[in-house]
Amino acid sequence: MSRKDTKNEIADDEVMEEQTPETDTEVEETPEPEEAVDENVVLQAENVELKEKILRMAAENQNTRKRLVKQQQDAFKYRHQDILRDLAEVMDNFERAIESSVDSRDFDTFHEGILMIEKQFSGMLTERYGLERIGSEGEAYDPAAHEAMMLEESSDVEVETIKQVFQAGYRLHERILRPAKVVVYKPAPAAVTEDAENDGDD
């Protein structure tokens, strides 16, 4: 083979190498099946964990609701326990007064004991619970706090005034629990007319 032919073959080989497409192209890697399975397992575990959390929260909410209902029931059932505890002491004093009167048969001592108990009872209701007795003779008539059972005219009063208390009323702080039932003096018309005539003479 001549040198010329050898050069031609070498040139042909170089041209073929240039025209041959590259076979080493990058191919996207697909996830292996094992990795996909592992991801599903993780998701299932998280799902189970979330379900357990939801169940625990639901149980806690139900227990809280039951506890609140029980507290409300107890608050309603025992709402009078403070005043009943104080009333028990008053009952003890009544029993002592009765036992003492049975032994002594002394009315004055018994009467004095009852007055002391009434004073103790009234003071306890006022100081601890804000219960105030309303309605007394000589007090100005207040239709918001007093219920007039009778009206009597009197020349001795200038405004409507309580003459007599049939039944005491009670006020709890600013609220009227029961108005006092009273007899009321009202100014006599004659006195008003006389005052008007005197004003005219002046």
Protein backbone atom coordinates (compact mmCIF):
# COMPACT_ATOMS: atom_id res chain seq x y z
CA MET A 1 0.00 0.00 0.00
CA SER A 2 1.34 3.34 -0.91
CA ARG A 3 1.85 6.18 1.46
CA LYS A 4 -0.90 8.05 -0.31
CA ASP A 5 -3.45 5.32 0.33
CA THR A 6 -2.48 5.21 4.00
CA LYS A 7 -3.10 8.94 4.36
CA ASN A 8 -6.48 8.57 2.72
CA GLU A 9 -7.56 5.83 5.16
CA ILE A 10 -6.47 7.91 8.12
CA ALA A 11 -8.44 10.87 6.82
CA ASP A 12 -11.54 8.70 6.27
CA ASP A 13 -11.33 7.44 9.87
CA GLU A 14 -11.17 10.99 11.24
CA VAL A 15 -14.22 12.00 9.17
CA MET A 16 -16.20 8.99 10.47
CA GLU A 17 -15.29 9.84 14.05
CA GLU A 18 -16.52 13.41 13.55
CA GLN A 19 -19.81 12.21 12.02
CA THR A 20 -20.52 9.51 14.65
CA PRO A 21 -23.13 10.82 17.18
CA GLU A 22 -22.20 10.82 20.82
CA THR A 23 -23.73 7.94 22.64
CA ASP A 24 -22.92 9.20 26.13
CA THR A 25 -26.06 11.41 26.47
CA GLU A 26 -27.39 12.08 29.98
CA VAL A 27 -30.53 10.08 30.84
CA GLU A 28 -32.89 11.14 33.67
CA GLU A 29 -32.68 8.79 36.54
CA THR A 30 -36.00 7.27 37.60
CA PRO A 31 -36.60 6.62 41.30
CA GLU A 32 -35.91 3.16 42.26
CA PRO A 33 -38.95 1.17 43.44
CA GLU A 34 -37.45 0.77 46.89
CA GLU A 35 -37.34 4.55 47.40
CA ALA A 36 -41.03 4.91 46.37
CA VAL A 37 -42.04 2.18 48.79
CA ASP A 38 -40.13 3.86 51.61
CA GLU A 39 -41.91 7.18 50.96
CA ASN A 40 -45.32 5.51 51.12
CA VAL A 41 -44.43 3.91 54.42
CA VAL A 42 -43.44 7.28 55.85
CA LEU A 43 -46.70 8.88 54.67
CA GLN A 44 -48.74 6.05 56.16
CA ALA A 45 -46.94 6.41 59.48
CA GLU A 46 -47.57 10.16 59.53
CA ASN A 47 -51.22 9.54 58.70
CA VAL A 48 -51.57 7.12 61.61
CA GLU A 49 -49.86 9.58 63.93
CA LEU A 50 -52.19 12.42 62.87
CA LYS A 51 -55.24 10.21 63.41
CA GLU A 52 -54.01 9.35 66.91
CA LYS A 53 -53.51 13.05 67.70
CA ILE A 54 -57.02 13.88 66.49
CA LEU A 55 -58.48 11.10 68.64
CA ARG A 56 -56.55 12.30 71.69
CA MET A 57 -57.71 15.89 71.13
CA ALA A 58 -61.32 14.74 70.75
CA ALA A 59 -61.07 12.74 73.98
CA GLU A 60 -59.53 15.69 75.84
CA ASN A 61 -62.27 18.03 74.58
CA GLN A 62 -64.94 15.58 75.69
CA ASN A 63 -63.35 15.25 79.14
CA THR A 64 -63.09 19.05 79.44
CA ARG A 65 -66.75 19.41 78.48
CA LYS A 66 -67.79 16.83 81.07
CA ARG A 67 -65.67 18.54 83.72
CA LEU A 68 -67.24 21.94 82.97
CA VAL A 69 -70.75 20.48 83.12
CA LYS A 70 -69.94 18.85 86.46
CA GLN A 71 -68.58 22.14 87.81
CA GLN A 72 -71.73 23.98 86.71
CA GLN A 73 -73.93 21.34 88.33
CA ASP A 74 -71.97 21.53 91.58
CA ALA A 75 -72.04 25.33 91.54
CA PHE A 76 -75.82 25.24 91.20
CA LYS A 77 -76.28 22.48 93.78
CA TYR A 78 -74.11 24.15 96.43
CA ARG A 79 -74.82 27.80 95.57
CA HIS A 80 -76.38 28.45 98.99
CA GLN A 81 -73.75 26.74 101.11
CA ASP A 82 -72.24 29.95 102.52
CA ILE A 83 -75.48 31.43 103.78
CA LEU A 84 -76.71 28.04 104.99
CA ARG A 85 -73.53 27.62 107.01
CA ASP A 86 -74.23 30.98 108.66
CA LEU A 87 -77.89 30.09 109.18
CA ALA A 88 -76.81 26.92 110.96
CA GLU A 89 -75.11 29.09 113.59
CA VAL A 90 -78.31 31.09 114.02
CA MET A 91 -80.26 27.86 114.46
CA ASP A 92 -77.78 26.79 117.14
CA ASN A 93 -78.46 30.01 119.04
CA PHE A 94 -82.23 29.50 118.77
CA GLU A 95 -81.88 26.00 120.18
CA ARG A 96 -79.79 27.29 123.09
CA ALA A 97 -82.36 30.00 123.85
CA ILE A 98 -85.20 27.47 123.81
CA GLU A 99 -83.35 25.02 126.04
CA SER A 100 -82.51 27.81 128.45
CA SER A 101 -86.14 28.99 128.64
CA VAL A 102 -87.35 25.45 129.33
CA ASP A 103 -85.08 25.20 132.34
CA SER A 104 -85.56 28.69 133.75
CA ARG A 105 -89.10 29.55 132.61
CA ASP A 106 -87.88 33.14 132.62
CA PHE A 107 -89.65 35.10 129.88
CA ASP A 108 -87.44 38.19 130.21
CA THR A 109 -84.28 36.16 129.74
CA PHE A 110 -85.82 34.33 126.79
CA HIS A 111 -86.95 37.62 125.22
CA GLU A 112 -83.48 39.11 125.65
CA GLY A 113 -81.93 36.05 124.03
CA ILE A 114 -84.27 36.28 121.03
CA LEU A 115 -83.40 39.94 120.56
CA MET A 116 -79.70 39.11 120.58
CA ILE A 117 -80.22 36.39 117.97
CA GLU A 118 -82.23 38.74 115.75
CA LYS A 119 -79.51 41.36 115.99
CA GLN A 120 -76.83 38.80 115.18
CA PHE A 121 -78.84 37.47 112.24
CA SER A 122 -79.57 40.90 110.76
CA GLY A 123 -75.95 41.98 111.14
CA MET A 124 -74.71 38.83 109.45
CA LEU A 125 -77.04 39.30 106.46
CA THR A 126 -76.00 42.93 106.07
CA GLU A 127 -72.25 42.57 106.56
CA ARG A 128 -71.64 39.34 104.67
CA TYR A 129 -74.34 39.41 102.01
CA GLY A 130 -75.27 43.07 101.55
CA LEU A 131 -78.90 42.55 102.56
CA GLU A 132 -80.39 45.75 103.93
CA ARG A 133 -83.74 46.13 105.67
CA ILE A 134 -85.86 49.00 104.32
CA GLY A 135 -88.97 50.72 105.60
CA SER A 136 -89.22 52.49 108.95
CA GLU A 137 -91.66 54.89 110.60
CA GLY A 138 -91.00 58.55 109.86
CA GLU A 139 -89.09 57.76 106.66
CA ALA A 140 -90.06 59.55 103.44
CA TYR A 141 -92.26 57.42 101.21
CA ASP A 142 -90.49 56.05 98.12
CA PRO A 143 -92.75 54.20 95.67
CA ALA A 144 -89.71 52.34 94.32
CA ALA A 145 -88.94 50.85 97.74
CA HIS A 146 -92.29 50.99 99.55
CA GLU A 147 -95.73 49.60 98.78
CA ALA A 148 -98.50 51.82 100.20
CA MET A 149 -101.25 49.71 101.72
CA MET A 150 -103.18 52.71 103.01
CA LEU A 151 -103.03 56.50 102.68
CA GLU A 152 -103.99 58.86 105.49
CA GLU A 153 -104.05 62.63 105.38
CA SER A 154 -102.13 64.56 107.99
CA SER A 155 -101.48 68.24 108.55
CA ASP A 156 -98.25 67.35 110.35
CA VAL A 157 -96.35 66.30 107.23
CA GLU A 158 -95.20 68.25 104.20
CA VAL A 159 -94.29 65.20 102.11
CA GLU A 160 -95.63 61.66 102.02
CA THR A 161 -94.20 59.91 105.07
CA ILE A 162 -94.38 56.37 106.41
CA LYS A 163 -96.72 56.15 109.38
CA GLN A 164 -96.56 52.41 110.03
CA VAL A 165 -94.72 49.39 108.65
CA PHE A 166 -96.84 46.31 108.04
CA GLN A 167 -94.01 44.27 106.62
CA ALA A 168 -90.35 45.18 106.29
CA GLY A 169 -88.76 45.27 102.85
CA TYR A 170 -85.28 44.19 101.83
CA ARG A 171 -82.71 45.48 99.37
CA LEU A 172 -79.72 43.47 98.13
CA HIS A 173 -77.04 46.00 97.23
CA GLU A 174 -78.87 48.21 94.67
CA ARG A 175 -81.72 45.78 93.89
CA ILE A 176 -85.04 45.76 95.73
CA LEU A 177 -85.81 42.18 96.71
CA ARG A 178 -89.10 43.00 98.40
CA PRO A 179 -90.74 46.39 98.91
CA ALA A 180 -91.86 47.31 102.41
CA LYS A 181 -95.63 47.30 102.96
CA VAL A 182 -96.52 50.52 104.77
CA VAL A 183 -99.22 52.98 105.80
CA VAL A 184 -98.46 56.43 104.42
CA TYR A 185 -99.26 59.90 105.69
CA LYS A 186 -99.87 62.42 102.93
CA PRO A 187 -100.15 66.20 103.39
CA ALA A 188 -103.71 67.32 104.07
CA PRO A 189 -105.29 69.57 101.40
CA ALA A 190 -106.44 72.01 104.09
CA ALA A 191 -102.87 72.73 105.04
CA VAL A 192 -101.99 73.36 101.38
CA THR A 193 -104.97 75.71 100.95
CA GLU A 194 -104.12 77.60 104.12
CA ASP A 195 -100.54 78.07 102.96
CA ALA A 196 -101.79 79.38 99.64
CA GLU A 197 -104.11 81.90 101.36
CA ASN A 198 -101.28 83.09 103.59
CA ASP A 199 -99.10 83.59 100.56
CA GLY A 200 -101.85 85.66 98.97
CA ASP A 201 -102.19 87.89 102.05
CA ASP A 202 -98.49 88.63 101.92
